[in-house]
Every structure is written in C-alpha cells, then in structure tokens.
Amino acid sequence: MAIVTFESIIPEILPSVPECTDLIIVRALRRASEEFLSKSLLWRINLDDHNVIPGLVDVELEAPKSDLRIVQLKYIKSGTQEADIPQIADSQTPPNLSKTCCSLVDFGKTLRLTPVPTAAATLKIRAVLTTTSKSIGVDSAVEQEIHEHLIDGSLARLYAMPGMPWADNSLAAYHGAIFQSAIIEMRGRAENNNGRAVRTVSYGGV
C-alpha cells in the first residue's frame, strides 16, 4: 500500500502558520485525516474471506495495517448464495433468533455473531477504514481525493490553538466550515456510489 506521508504535506501548510513546528502540523494532519475518513466513510475495502467456526460467536477482523481502524461494515455476506447478514448494535436483541445477525465490537476489531453459529460458513466483508493516531500518512489513492480537505482540516485546528502566535479564530472558523462541508459532500457521494468518492480496494483479511 503506497502512502502519502503527513510530513510531505507540511510545506503546503507551513506558509500559513510560519511559526508552527513540524510536529504540531503533523499532529493536526493526523487528526484531520482520522476525522475526515471516519465521518465521510470514503475509504472502503474488500477483506479476504473470513471463516465462521461453529460454537464461536466472535470473528477477528484485521485492517490491512496496524495503524488503521475499521469504522463501519458496509456489508457482510454468507455462504455460496451470499445472503446478507443484518447488522445490529452490540446491546440490541436480534429481532429473530432463528436468523443470524452481527455487530461490530471492540473498536472495529471483532465481528460478533448472534445467536451462536452452529455451522461453518464463509463471510465476504466490505469495510470502511480510517487512519488513527499512529498513522504516518494516508493511502495515496485516498489522499488524492482528500488532499485539499486535509489542509483545511489541519489549518482549522492550528488556527484554533489558543495562545499561539498564529492563532486566528476567524480563519479557524473559515477553514473548519470548508472542512465540515467537504465531509458532508464526500459522504453523500460515497453513500450514493457517485463520482470518484468511493475507493474500493482488496487487501488481505484474517
């Protein structure tokens, strides 16, 4: 997976906040990336097939890299007929105990099946990814889609830092409004499968 590092974007932000350190800019970029991807649901992947083991309710999920996180599952299909498995909240009781339901738990690391599966099955899963506080950058294909938005989101955070020489509430509000508007637009495009907003990639799963 080729990535664009946050450090490589610093030269585009530094002129707007000339007294800011690289470390603070990278931190702002990292937070902007995580917020944008987790809210826009832009970054979608197809995991490798996962196996259900009879008697075990949990199926371990893995993002393609340890510094990424699964924030949502777009679909879970089971069996040769690829029947959809409905998703419910972890605390919710399945509406029909004779039909398998699932929920995403443990901060996106586990798929929990209800009721306890009695037969083996193969799952096909499409997931939504986001970067995290450990990420050093963003997948290059995804970064192309959100490059300008990362800059706006980062500047909004930097300008909103109280007591800093570059702080400017009006500019923070300006860039923040652009950033939030872009999240809404991108999510709409992604959910409607319109334009280039949806990036579907196949990576190795569990």
Protein backbone atom coordinates (compact mmCIF):
# COMPACT_ATOMS: atom_id res chain seq x y z
CA MET A 1 0.00 0.00 0.00
CA ALA A 2 1.70 3.22 -1.19
CA ILE A 3 1.13 6.13 1.16
CA VAL A 4 1.50 9.90 1.16
CA THR A 5 3.13 10.84 4.46
CA PHE A 6 1.83 13.67 6.59
CA GLU A 7 5.35 15.10 6.69
CA SER A 8 5.30 15.53 2.91
CA ILE A 9 2.29 17.87 3.21
CA ILE A 10 3.96 20.21 5.73
CA PRO A 11 5.36 22.60 3.05
CA GLU A 12 1.81 23.36 1.91
CA ILE A 13 0.69 24.34 5.42
CA LEU A 14 3.76 25.98 6.93
CA PRO A 15 3.48 29.29 4.97
CA SER A 16 0.09 29.87 6.62
CA VAL A 17 1.47 29.21 10.12
CA PRO A 18 5.18 30.11 9.78
CA GLU A 19 5.98 29.87 13.49
CA CYS A 20 4.45 26.42 13.90
CA THR A 21 6.64 23.35 14.36
CA ASP A 22 6.55 20.33 12.06
CA LEU A 23 5.44 18.10 14.94
CA ILE A 24 2.34 20.21 15.63
CA ILE A 25 1.45 20.32 11.93
CA VAL A 26 1.75 16.54 11.59
CA ARG A 27 -0.47 16.09 14.64
CA ALA A 28 -3.09 18.38 13.08
CA LEU A 29 -2.92 16.49 9.79
CA ARG A 30 -3.28 13.16 11.58
CA ARG A 31 -6.37 14.31 13.45
CA ALA A 32 -7.90 15.87 10.35
CA SER A 33 -7.35 12.64 8.41
CA GLU A 34 -8.95 10.47 11.08
CA GLU A 35 -11.98 12.75 11.40
CA PHE A 36 -12.49 13.09 7.67
CA LEU A 37 -12.24 9.39 6.87
CA SER A 38 -14.30 8.19 9.84
CA LYS A 39 -17.12 10.64 9.09
CA SER A 40 -17.14 10.61 5.28
CA LEU A 41 -16.99 6.79 5.03
CA LEU A 42 -14.89 7.31 1.93
CA TRP A 43 -12.24 4.59 2.23
CA ARG A 44 -13.80 1.19 1.51
CA ILE A 45 -12.05 -2.16 1.21
CA ASN A 46 -12.97 -5.76 0.48
CA LEU A 47 -11.42 -8.05 3.06
CA ASP A 48 -10.37 -11.58 2.26
CA ASP A 49 -12.94 -14.24 3.09
CA HIS A 50 -13.40 -14.88 6.81
CA ASN A 51 -14.40 -18.24 8.27
CA VAL A 52 -17.12 -18.79 10.84
CA ILE A 53 -16.34 -21.58 13.32
CA PRO A 54 -19.32 -23.38 14.87
CA GLY A 55 -19.70 -22.55 18.55
CA LEU A 56 -17.67 -19.31 18.39
CA VAL A 57 -19.56 -16.04 18.32
CA ASP A 58 -16.58 -13.79 17.52
CA VAL A 59 -14.73 -13.44 14.22
CA GLU A 60 -11.48 -11.47 14.44
CA LEU A 61 -11.13 -8.66 11.92
CA GLU A 62 -7.90 -7.02 10.85
CA ALA A 63 -7.37 -3.79 8.98
CA PRO A 64 -4.72 -4.03 6.24
CA LYS A 65 -2.21 -2.27 8.53
CA SER A 66 -1.93 -1.98 12.29
CA ASP A 67 -2.17 1.83 12.17
CA LEU A 68 -5.60 1.71 10.51
CA ARG A 69 -9.03 1.07 12.03
CA ILE A 70 -12.30 -0.37 10.72
CA VAL A 71 -15.07 2.13 11.48
CA GLN A 72 -18.02 0.51 9.73
CA LEU A 73 -19.03 -2.58 7.78
CA LYS A 74 -20.90 -1.88 4.57
CA TYR A 75 -21.99 -5.48 4.11
CA ILE A 76 -21.42 -8.99 5.41
CA LYS A 77 -22.47 -11.82 3.12
CA SER A 78 -22.52 -15.51 4.00
CA GLY A 79 -22.47 -18.78 2.06
CA THR A 80 -22.43 -19.61 -1.60
CA GLN A 81 -25.65 -17.64 -2.11
CA GLU A 82 -24.00 -14.63 -0.44
CA ALA A 83 -27.01 -13.88 1.75
CA ASP A 84 -26.77 -10.59 3.61
CA ILE A 85 -26.27 -10.78 7.37
CA PRO A 86 -28.10 -7.85 9.03
CA GLN A 87 -26.16 -5.67 11.46
CA ILE A 88 -27.40 -4.67 14.90
CA ALA A 89 -25.97 -2.75 17.85
CA ASP A 90 -23.98 -4.89 20.28
CA SER A 91 -26.53 -4.25 23.04
CA GLN A 92 -29.51 -4.94 20.79
CA THR A 93 -31.53 -8.17 20.89
CA PRO A 94 -31.90 -9.76 17.45
CA PRO A 95 -35.46 -9.36 16.14
CA ASN A 96 -35.49 -13.00 15.02
CA LEU A 97 -33.41 -15.52 16.97
CA SER A 98 -33.64 -18.01 14.11
CA LYS A 99 -31.73 -15.66 11.83
CA THR A 100 -28.07 -14.71 12.25
CA CYS A 101 -27.26 -11.07 12.99
CA CYS A 102 -23.91 -9.44 13.63
CA SER A 103 -22.38 -6.40 15.30
CA LEU A 104 -19.02 -4.65 15.09
CA VAL A 105 -17.36 -4.53 18.53
CA ASP A 106 -14.01 -3.99 20.22
CA PHE A 107 -13.29 -0.77 18.32
CA GLY A 108 -13.72 -2.42 14.95
CA LYS A 109 -11.54 -5.44 15.68
CA THR A 110 -14.25 -8.08 16.13
CA LEU A 111 -17.40 -9.19 14.35
CA ARG A 112 -19.84 -10.72 16.84
CA LEU A 113 -22.48 -13.15 15.58
CA THR A 114 -25.85 -13.72 17.26
CA PRO A 115 -27.05 -16.35 18.01
CA VAL A 116 -24.07 -18.67 18.43
CA PRO A 117 -23.34 -20.15 14.98
CA THR A 118 -23.99 -23.89 14.67
CA ALA A 119 -22.46 -24.41 11.23
CA ALA A 120 -19.31 -23.35 9.43
CA ALA A 121 -19.64 -20.56 6.90
CA THR A 122 -17.57 -18.21 4.78
CA LEU A 123 -18.08 -14.46 5.11
CA LYS A 124 -17.44 -11.80 2.49
CA ILE A 125 -16.96 -8.43 4.15
CA ARG A 126 -16.73 -4.89 2.83
CA ALA A 127 -15.38 -2.44 5.40
CA VAL A 128 -14.75 1.27 5.84
CA LEU A 129 -11.29 2.33 7.03
CA THR A 130 -9.81 5.33 8.76
CA THR A 131 -6.33 6.35 9.80
CA THR A 132 -5.51 6.61 13.51
CA SER A 133 -3.25 8.48 15.90
CA LYS A 134 -0.48 6.02 14.97
CA SER A 135 -0.67 6.64 11.22
CA ILE A 136 2.22 8.33 9.44
CA GLY A 137 0.23 9.01 6.29
CA VAL A 138 -2.69 8.08 4.04
CA ASP A 139 -3.07 5.60 1.18
CA SER A 140 -2.02 7.50 -1.94
CA ALA A 141 -5.23 6.82 -3.89
CA VAL A 142 -7.36 8.05 -0.98
CA GLU A 143 -5.09 11.03 -0.33
CA GLN A 144 -5.67 12.24 -3.88
CA GLU A 145 -9.36 12.52 -3.06
CA ILE A 146 -8.95 14.37 0.24
CA HIS A 147 -5.69 16.33 -0.12
CA GLU A 148 -7.20 19.82 -0.03
CA HIS A 149 -9.60 18.80 2.73
CA LEU A 150 -6.73 17.59 4.91
CA ILE A 151 -5.12 21.01 4.58
CA ASP A 152 -8.36 22.81 5.52
CA GLY A 153 -8.94 20.49 8.48
CA SER A 154 -5.39 20.94 9.70
CA LEU A 155 -5.46 24.74 9.37
CA ALA A 156 -8.77 24.85 11.25
CA ARG A 157 -7.12 23.04 14.16
CA LEU A 158 -3.92 25.08 14.06
CA TYR A 159 -5.66 28.46 13.91
CA ALA A 160 -7.88 27.41 16.83
CA MET A 161 -4.93 26.79 19.17
CA PRO A 162 -5.20 29.42 21.92
CA GLY A 163 -2.14 31.43 22.86
CA MET A 164 -0.16 30.53 19.75
CA PRO A 165 1.33 33.31 17.59
CA TRP A 166 -0.56 32.03 14.55
CA ALA A 167 -3.93 31.67 16.31
CA ASP A 168 -6.83 33.27 14.44
CA ASN A 169 -10.41 32.39 15.36
CA SER A 170 -11.90 33.79 12.18
CA LEU A 171 -9.58 31.75 9.98
CA ALA A 172 -10.20 28.69 12.16
CA ALA A 173 -13.93 29.06 11.59
CA TYR A 174 -13.42 29.64 7.86
CA HIS A 175 -11.31 26.53 7.27
CA GLY A 176 -13.41 24.50 9.69
CA ALA A 177 -16.59 25.28 7.75
CA ILE A 178 -14.97 24.23 4.46
CA PHE A 179 -13.70 21.02 6.09
CA GLN A 180 -17.09 20.04 7.53
CA SER A 181 -18.86 20.85 4.27
CA ALA A 182 -16.43 18.60 2.39
CA ILE A 183 -17.13 15.74 4.82
CA ILE A 184 -20.86 16.02 4.15
CA GLU A 185 -20.36 16.20 0.39
CA MET A 186 -17.96 13.26 0.28
CA ARG A 187 -20.20 11.11 2.46
CA GLY A 188 -23.14 11.81 0.20
CA ARG A 189 -21.15 10.83 -2.87
CA ALA A 190 -19.78 7.73 -1.18
CA GLU A 191 -23.15 6.53 0.09
CA ASN A 192 -24.72 7.07 -3.33
CA ASN A 193 -21.75 5.43 -5.06
CA ASN A 194 -21.40 8.56 -7.16
CA GLY A 195 -18.28 10.03 -8.72
CA ARG A 196 -14.78 9.07 -7.56
CA ALA A 197 -15.55 9.29 -3.87
CA VAL A 198 -15.68 5.56 -3.23
CA ARG A 199 -12.33 3.84 -3.20
CA THR A 200 -12.78 0.06 -3.19
CA VAL A 201 -9.58 -1.90 -2.66
CA SER A 202 -8.93 -5.55 -1.83
CA TYR A 203 -6.46 -6.27 0.96
CA GLY A 204 -5.70 -9.34 2.98
CA GLY A 205 -8.03 -10.07 5.87
CA VAL A 206 -7.84 -12.68 8.59
